[in-house]
Each structure stands twice: as structure tokens, then as C-alpha cells.
Amino acid sequence: MTRSFHPLLVRGVATAHLELLRAVPDIDTLYVAIGQGSSICGAVAARDALGLRTEIVGVVSERLPGYARSFEAGHAVSTPPAETIADGVAVRAPVPDAVEIIRRGVSRVVTVSEDAIRSAMRHYFTDTHNVAEGAGAVGLAAVLADRPRVAGKRVAVILSGGNVDRPVFRDVLGEA
């Protein structure tokens, strides 16, 4: 088990999802970024503990689709190294224990492009005045890509991660 995926870490991260789902129990779909898997596995645990029907969708960068491929294959599938603005989800080798939980509790895992991630970073800043790093914006990028699918539904993302270098963020904002 890697250090960034551990049962105690999953429990800790689950508290954020538990708070969200207790506050808004009628969320139809929750989009969750997948790094090593702790957050999405925590989301599954929280939803299941509350007995909710919330659909959970995992999100990864299209440049490092290991968890998306693993979800489809039913076992951990590694990918070659790649650069992405979403370095917090830049995972080459998915954790088998996380893949198992994700396969049981997540409806699908989607990929988002670099352009979509950058656009979501800009949306966070211009629309909510929050700074999101690439990994913190992948959930919103997926929601924006899924607009027709989620129209009229209650959808949620958790913005976690504002650790973006000033030159990178300046470039992202300048693209608008």
C-alpha cells in the first residue's frame, strides 16, 4: 500500500464527504478527482455509511488515465509517465486496493483534457474568486463537460487544492 493510500487516510478524507453529504443529502451526482484514491474511496464510504443513492463519478486527466483504464479493466493498469497541469492526479500506477473500492462504489471514471482543466481553473477564479490548482479543478472540468447529462440534477464537487505556481496560474488566466 502506498503512503498516500491508507485506510486511516481514507477515513480522514471521508469526513469532508460526510459533511457535504449530511448537509446536502439529495445530491444526485458527486464528481471526485482521483489521485491515489483516498478521496474517492472516502466519498464511497461516506455515501454508503449514510445510505444515500448519490452517484459518484471519478475524474482523472486524459494524459494519465490509469484509473479510468483500471476501472474498465477490473484491475490496476499502469500508464506511461506524462505531464499534466493536474499534477495532484498524475498517477501512473493505480493502487489495486483503491481500484477494487472504486469498481464497487463508483458509477464511472471520466477523463478530462488539459484545456478543460485550465478552463475550470479560470471558472473557479472568475466565477467564485477561488484559486484552484489543476487537480482541484478536474471535478468541475468534468461537470462542465457533462452539462447535458447533469442538466436539472443536483451536482457537487469539492474544491480541494489551491497550490498552483504564480507563473502557471498567470498563464492559465491569460488564456481567457
C-alpha atoms as a PDB file:
ATOM      1  CA  MET A   1       0.000   0.000   0.000  1.00  0.00           C
ATOM      2  CA  THR A   2       1.420   3.400  -0.901  1.00  0.00           C
ATOM      3  CA  ARG A   3       1.643   6.081   1.748  1.00  0.00           C
ATOM      4  CA  SER A   4      -0.933   8.290   0.048  1.00  0.00           C
ATOM      5  CA  PHE A   5      -3.499   5.497   0.099  1.00  0.00           C
ATOM      6  CA  HIS A   6      -4.013   4.046   3.556  1.00  0.00           C
ATOM      7  CA  PRO A   7      -7.202   3.042   5.410  1.00  0.00           C
ATOM      8  CA  LEU A   8      -6.665   5.727   8.046  1.00  0.00           C
ATOM      9  CA  LEU A   9      -6.153   8.379   5.377  1.00  0.00           C
ATOM     10  CA  VAL A  10      -9.303   7.218   3.578  1.00  0.00           C
ATOM     11  CA  ARG A  11     -11.246   7.588   6.847  1.00  0.00           C
ATOM     12  CA  GLY A  12      -9.853  11.063   7.394  1.00  0.00           C
ATOM     13  CA  VAL A  13     -10.636  12.236   3.875  1.00  0.00           C
ATOM     14  CA  ALA A  14     -14.097  10.687   4.138  1.00  0.00           C
ATOM     15  CA  THR A  15     -15.015  13.294   6.759  1.00  0.00           C
ATOM     16  CA  ALA A  16     -15.158  16.053   4.125  1.00  0.00           C
ATOM     17  CA  HIS A  17     -17.525  13.971   2.010  1.00  0.00           C
ATOM     18  CA  LEU A  18     -19.536  13.032   5.097  1.00  0.00           C
ATOM     19  CA  GLU A  19     -20.001  16.703   5.969  1.00  0.00           C
ATOM     20  CA  LEU A  20     -21.075  17.531   2.427  1.00  0.00           C
ATOM     21  CA  LEU A  21     -23.489  14.611   2.130  1.00  0.00           C
ATOM     22  CA  ARG A  22     -25.004  15.293   5.557  1.00  0.00           C
ATOM     23  CA  ALA A  23     -25.528  18.940   4.652  1.00  0.00           C
ATOM     24  CA  VAL A  24     -26.947  18.163   1.197  1.00  0.00           C
ATOM     25  CA  PRO A  25     -28.172  14.548   1.205  1.00  0.00           C
ATOM     26  CA  ASP A  26     -30.096  14.857  -2.058  1.00  0.00           C
ATOM     27  CA  ILE A  27     -27.066  15.358  -4.314  1.00  0.00           C
ATOM     28  CA  ASP A  28     -27.637  13.350  -7.472  1.00  0.00           C
ATOM     29  CA  THR A  29     -24.022  13.187  -8.628  1.00  0.00           C
ATOM     30  CA  LEU A  30     -20.722  13.889  -6.889  1.00  0.00           C
ATOM     31  CA  TYR A  31     -17.612  14.318  -9.058  1.00  0.00           C
ATOM     32  CA  VAL A  32     -14.357  13.394  -7.306  1.00  0.00           C
ATOM     33  CA  ALA A  33     -10.776  13.803  -8.521  1.00  0.00           C
ATOM     34  CA  ILE A  34      -8.711  10.626  -8.273  1.00  0.00           C
ATOM     35  CA  GLY A  35      -5.103  10.896  -7.165  1.00  0.00           C
ATOM     36  CA  GLN A  36      -4.009   7.735  -5.363  1.00  0.00           C
ATOM     37  CA  GLY A  37      -7.638   7.015  -4.490  1.00  0.00           C
ATOM     38  CA  SER A  38      -8.078   8.133  -0.885  1.00  0.00           C
ATOM     39  CA  SER A  39     -10.607  10.867  -1.599  1.00  0.00           C
ATOM     40  CA  ILE A  40     -12.868   8.905  -3.913  1.00  0.00           C
ATOM     41  CA  CYS A  41     -12.768   5.863  -1.633  1.00  0.00           C
ATOM     42  CA  GLY A  42     -13.652   8.188   1.254  1.00  0.00           C
ATOM     43  CA  ALA A  43     -16.574   9.531  -0.784  1.00  0.00           C
ATOM     44  CA  VAL A  44     -17.830   5.993  -1.384  1.00  0.00           C
ATOM     45  CA  ALA A  45     -17.509   5.177   2.330  1.00  0.00           C
ATOM     46  CA  ALA A  46     -19.368   8.339   3.372  1.00  0.00           C
ATOM     47  CA  ARG A  47     -22.174   7.826   0.878  1.00  0.00           C
ATOM     48  CA  ASP A  48     -22.575   4.194   1.859  1.00  0.00           C
ATOM     49  CA  ALA A  49     -22.465   4.968   5.603  1.00  0.00           C
ATOM     50  CA  LEU A  50     -25.317   7.434   5.124  1.00  0.00           C
ATOM     51  CA  GLY A  51     -27.294   5.025   2.929  1.00  0.00           C
ATOM     52  CA  LEU A  52     -27.565   7.541   0.102  1.00  0.00           C
ATOM     53  CA  ARG A  53     -28.064   6.912  -3.607  1.00  0.00           C
ATOM     54  CA  THR A  54     -25.659   9.633  -4.754  1.00  0.00           C
ATOM     55  CA  GLU A  55     -23.858   8.664  -7.942  1.00  0.00           C
ATOM     56  CA  ILE A  56     -20.102   9.091  -7.611  1.00  0.00           C
ATOM     57  CA  VAL A  57     -18.049   9.842 -10.712  1.00  0.00           C
ATOM     58  CA  GLY A  58     -14.262   9.658 -10.649  1.00  0.00           C
ATOM     59  CA  VAL A  59     -12.223  12.146 -12.657  1.00  0.00           C
ATOM     60  CA  VAL A  60      -8.667  11.881 -13.997  1.00  0.00           C
ATOM     61  CA  SER A  61      -6.527  13.705 -16.527  1.00  0.00           C
ATOM     62  CA  GLU A  62      -6.711  12.248 -20.026  1.00  0.00           C
ATOM     63  CA  ARG A  63      -2.906  12.330 -20.055  1.00  0.00           C
ATOM     64  CA  LEU A  64      -2.738   9.865 -17.139  1.00  0.00           C
ATOM     65  CA  PRO A  65      -5.857   7.719 -17.473  1.00  0.00           C
ATOM     66  CA  GLY A  66      -4.656   4.841 -15.283  1.00  0.00           C
ATOM     67  CA  TYR A  67      -7.683   4.819 -13.004  1.00  0.00           C
ATOM     68  CA  ALA A  68     -10.089   5.136 -15.948  1.00  0.00           C
ATOM     69  CA  ARG A  69      -8.407   2.195 -17.684  1.00  0.00           C
ATOM     70  CA  SER A  70      -8.277   0.258 -14.409  1.00  0.00           C
ATOM     71  CA  PHE A  71     -11.984   0.835 -13.842  1.00  0.00           C
ATOM     72  CA  GLU A  72     -12.753  -0.565 -17.284  1.00  0.00           C
ATOM     73  CA  ALA A  73     -10.316  -3.486 -16.999  1.00  0.00           C
ATOM     74  CA  GLY A  74     -11.279  -4.512 -13.473  1.00  0.00           C
ATOM     75  CA  HIS A  75      -7.711  -4.397 -12.188  1.00  0.00           C
ATOM     76  CA  ALA A  76      -4.888  -1.877 -11.804  1.00  0.00           C
ATOM     77  CA  VAL A  77      -3.490  -0.752 -15.163  1.00  0.00           C
ATOM     78  CA  SER A  78      -0.364   1.400 -15.216  1.00  0.00           C
ATOM     79  CA  THR A  79       0.259   4.126 -17.776  1.00  0.00           C
ATOM     80  CA  PRO A  80       3.450   5.753 -19.043  1.00  0.00           C
ATOM     81  CA  PRO A  81       4.593   8.990 -17.399  1.00  0.00           C
ATOM     82  CA  ALA A  82       3.098  12.190 -18.766  1.00  0.00           C
ATOM     83  CA  GLU A  83       2.961  15.875 -17.933  1.00  0.00           C
ATOM     84  CA  THR A  84      -0.285  17.450 -16.801  1.00  0.00           C
ATOM     85  CA  ILE A  85      -1.294  20.697 -15.178  1.00  0.00           C
ATOM     86  CA  ALA A  86      -3.202  18.488 -12.719  1.00  0.00           C
ATOM     87  CA  ASP A  87      -0.142  17.033 -11.015  1.00  0.00           C
ATOM     88  CA  GLY A  88      -2.156  16.006  -7.960  1.00  0.00           C
ATOM     89  CA  VAL A  89      -3.886  13.384 -10.112  1.00  0.00           C
ATOM     90  CA  ALA A  90      -0.783  12.472 -12.114  1.00  0.00           C
ATOM     91  CA  VAL A  91      -0.821   8.795 -11.171  1.00  0.00           C
ATOM     92  CA  ARG A  92       0.973   6.261 -13.314  1.00  0.00           C
ATOM     93  CA  ALA A  93       0.312   3.190 -11.170  1.00  0.00           C
ATOM     94  CA  PRO A  94      -3.154   2.955  -9.589  1.00  0.00           C
ATOM     95  CA  VAL A  95      -3.383   1.334  -6.168  1.00  0.00           C
ATOM     96  CA  PRO A  96      -5.056  -2.094  -6.501  1.00  0.00           C
ATOM     97  CA  ASP A  97      -6.990  -1.727  -3.212  1.00  0.00           C
ATOM     98  CA  ALA A  98      -8.344   1.632  -4.383  1.00  0.00           C
ATOM     99  CA  VAL A  99      -9.285   0.199  -7.788  1.00  0.00           C
ATOM    100  CA  GLU A 100     -11.317  -2.508  -6.042  1.00  0.00           C
ATOM    101  CA  ILE A 101     -13.269   0.023  -3.952  1.00  0.00           C
ATOM    102  CA  ILE A 102     -13.770   2.325  -6.944  1.00  0.00           C
ATOM    103  CA  ARG A 103     -15.081  -0.540  -9.092  1.00  0.00           C
ATOM    104  CA  ARG A 104     -17.626  -1.459  -6.408  1.00  0.00           C
ATOM    105  CA  GLY A 105     -18.802   2.034  -5.491  1.00  0.00           C
ATOM    106  CA  VAL A 106     -18.324   4.413  -8.423  1.00  0.00           C
ATOM    107  CA  SER A 107     -20.565   4.561 -11.494  1.00  0.00           C
ATOM    108  CA  ARG A 108     -17.856   5.638 -13.925  1.00  0.00           C
ATOM    109  CA  VAL A 109     -14.434   7.251 -14.235  1.00  0.00           C
ATOM    110  CA  VAL A 110     -14.080  10.018 -16.797  1.00  0.00           C
ATOM    111  CA  THR A 111     -11.075  11.760 -18.279  1.00  0.00           C
ATOM    112  CA  VAL A 112     -10.714  15.486 -18.850  1.00  0.00           C
ATOM    113  CA  SER A 113      -8.396  17.345 -21.201  1.00  0.00           C
ATOM    114  CA  GLU A 114      -5.747  19.860 -20.288  1.00  0.00           C
ATOM    115  CA  ASP A 115      -7.829  22.599 -21.930  1.00  0.00           C
ATOM    116  CA  ALA A 116     -10.877  21.596 -19.870  1.00  0.00           C
ATOM    117  CA  ILE A 117      -8.832  21.648 -16.657  1.00  0.00           C
ATOM    118  CA  ARG A 118      -7.413  25.072 -17.450  1.00  0.00           C
ATOM    119  CA  SER A 119     -10.888  26.360 -18.290  1.00  0.00           C
ATOM    120  CA  ALA A 120     -12.232  25.038 -14.967  1.00  0.00           C
ATOM    121  CA  MET A 121      -9.377  26.796 -13.122  1.00  0.00           C
ATOM    122  CA  ARG A 122     -10.445  30.045 -14.802  1.00  0.00           C
ATOM    123  CA  HIS A 123     -14.106  29.422 -13.939  1.00  0.00           C
ATOM    124  CA  TYR A 124     -13.259  28.955 -10.279  1.00  0.00           C
ATOM    125  CA  PHE A 125     -11.322  32.198 -10.232  1.00  0.00           C
ATOM    126  CA  THR A 126     -13.668  34.383 -12.259  1.00  0.00           C
ATOM    127  CA  ASP A 127     -16.953  32.915 -11.004  1.00  0.00           C
ATOM    128  CA  THR A 128     -16.186  32.249  -7.325  1.00  0.00           C
ATOM    129  CA  HIS A 129     -12.927  34.127  -6.699  1.00  0.00           C
ATOM    130  CA  ASN A 130     -11.207  30.907  -5.610  1.00  0.00           C
ATOM    131  CA  VAL A 131      -7.815  29.692  -6.755  1.00  0.00           C
ATOM    132  CA  ALA A 132      -7.780  26.062  -7.839  1.00  0.00           C
ATOM    133  CA  GLU A 133      -4.756  24.066  -8.819  1.00  0.00           C
ATOM    134  CA  GLY A 134      -5.194  21.722 -11.774  1.00  0.00           C
ATOM    135  CA  ALA A 135      -6.080  18.689  -9.656  1.00  0.00           C
ATOM    136  CA  GLY A 136      -8.542  20.800  -7.690  1.00  0.00           C
ATOM    137  CA  ALA A 137     -10.295  21.782 -10.910  1.00  0.00           C
ATOM    138  CA  VAL A 138     -10.699  18.383 -12.606  1.00  0.00           C
ATOM    139  CA  GLY A 139     -14.072  17.737 -10.948  1.00  0.00           C
ATOM    140  CA  LEU A 140     -15.503  20.993 -12.256  1.00  0.00           C
ATOM    141  CA  ALA A 141     -13.955  20.282 -15.667  1.00  0.00           C
ATOM    142  CA  ALA A 142     -15.883  17.001 -15.766  1.00  0.00           C
ATOM    143  CA  VAL A 143     -19.146  18.664 -14.693  1.00  0.00           C
ATOM    144  CA  LEU A 144     -18.764  21.264 -17.437  1.00  0.00           C
ATOM    145  CA  ALA A 145     -18.118  18.510 -19.986  1.00  0.00           C
ATOM    146  CA  ASP A 146     -21.165  16.581 -18.708  1.00  0.00           C
ATOM    147  CA  ARG A 147     -23.562  19.547 -18.822  1.00  0.00           C
ATOM    148  CA  PRO A 148     -26.217  17.791 -20.950  1.00  0.00           C
ATOM    149  CA  ARG A 149     -26.054  14.679 -18.776  1.00  0.00           C
ATOM    150  CA  VAL A 150     -26.450  16.583 -15.483  1.00  0.00           C
ATOM    151  CA  ALA A 151     -28.926  19.240 -16.604  1.00  0.00           C
ATOM    152  CA  GLY A 152     -31.618  19.623 -13.955  1.00  0.00           C
ATOM    153  CA  LYS A 153     -29.738  17.479 -11.424  1.00  0.00           C
ATOM    154  CA  ARG A 154     -28.098  18.407  -8.127  1.00  0.00           C
ATOM    155  CA  VAL A 155     -24.376  18.070  -8.745  1.00  0.00           C
ATOM    156  CA  ALA A 156     -21.435  18.622  -6.402  1.00  0.00           C
ATOM    157  CA  VAL A 157     -17.674  18.885  -6.476  1.00  0.00           C
ATOM    158  CA  ILE A 158     -15.251  19.599  -3.682  1.00  0.00           C
ATOM    159  CA  LEU A 159     -12.626  22.204  -4.460  1.00  0.00           C
ATOM    160  CA  SER A 160      -9.519  20.977  -2.714  1.00  0.00           C
ATOM    161  CA  GLY A 161      -6.165  22.359  -3.683  1.00  0.00           C
ATOM    162  CA  GLY A 162      -5.004  25.871  -4.389  1.00  0.00           C
ATOM    163  CA  ASN A 163      -1.329  25.024  -4.733  1.00  0.00           C
ATOM    164  CA  VAL A 164      -0.632  26.477  -8.152  1.00  0.00           C
ATOM    165  CA  ASP A 165       2.556  28.341  -9.031  1.00  0.00           C
ATOM    166  CA  ARG A 166       2.080  32.005  -9.832  1.00  0.00           C
ATOM    167  CA  PRO A 167       3.532  31.809 -13.379  1.00  0.00           C
ATOM    168  CA  VAL A 168       1.325  28.816 -14.215  1.00  0.00           C
ATOM    169  CA  PHE A 169      -1.793  30.496 -12.843  1.00  0.00           C
ATOM    170  CA  ARG A 170      -0.947  33.737 -14.662  1.00  0.00           C
ATOM    171  CA  ASP A 171      -0.694  31.790 -17.916  1.00  0.00           C
ATOM    172  CA  VAL A 172      -3.999  29.985 -17.272  1.00  0.00           C
ATOM    173  CA  LEU A 173      -5.783  33.254 -16.532  1.00  0.00           C
ATOM    174  CA  GLY A 174      -4.222  34.909 -19.575  1.00  0.00           C
ATOM    175  CA  GLU A 175      -5.758  32.287 -21.866  1.00  0.00           C
ATOM    176  CA  ALA A 176      -9.287  33.573 -21.295  1.00  0.00           C
END
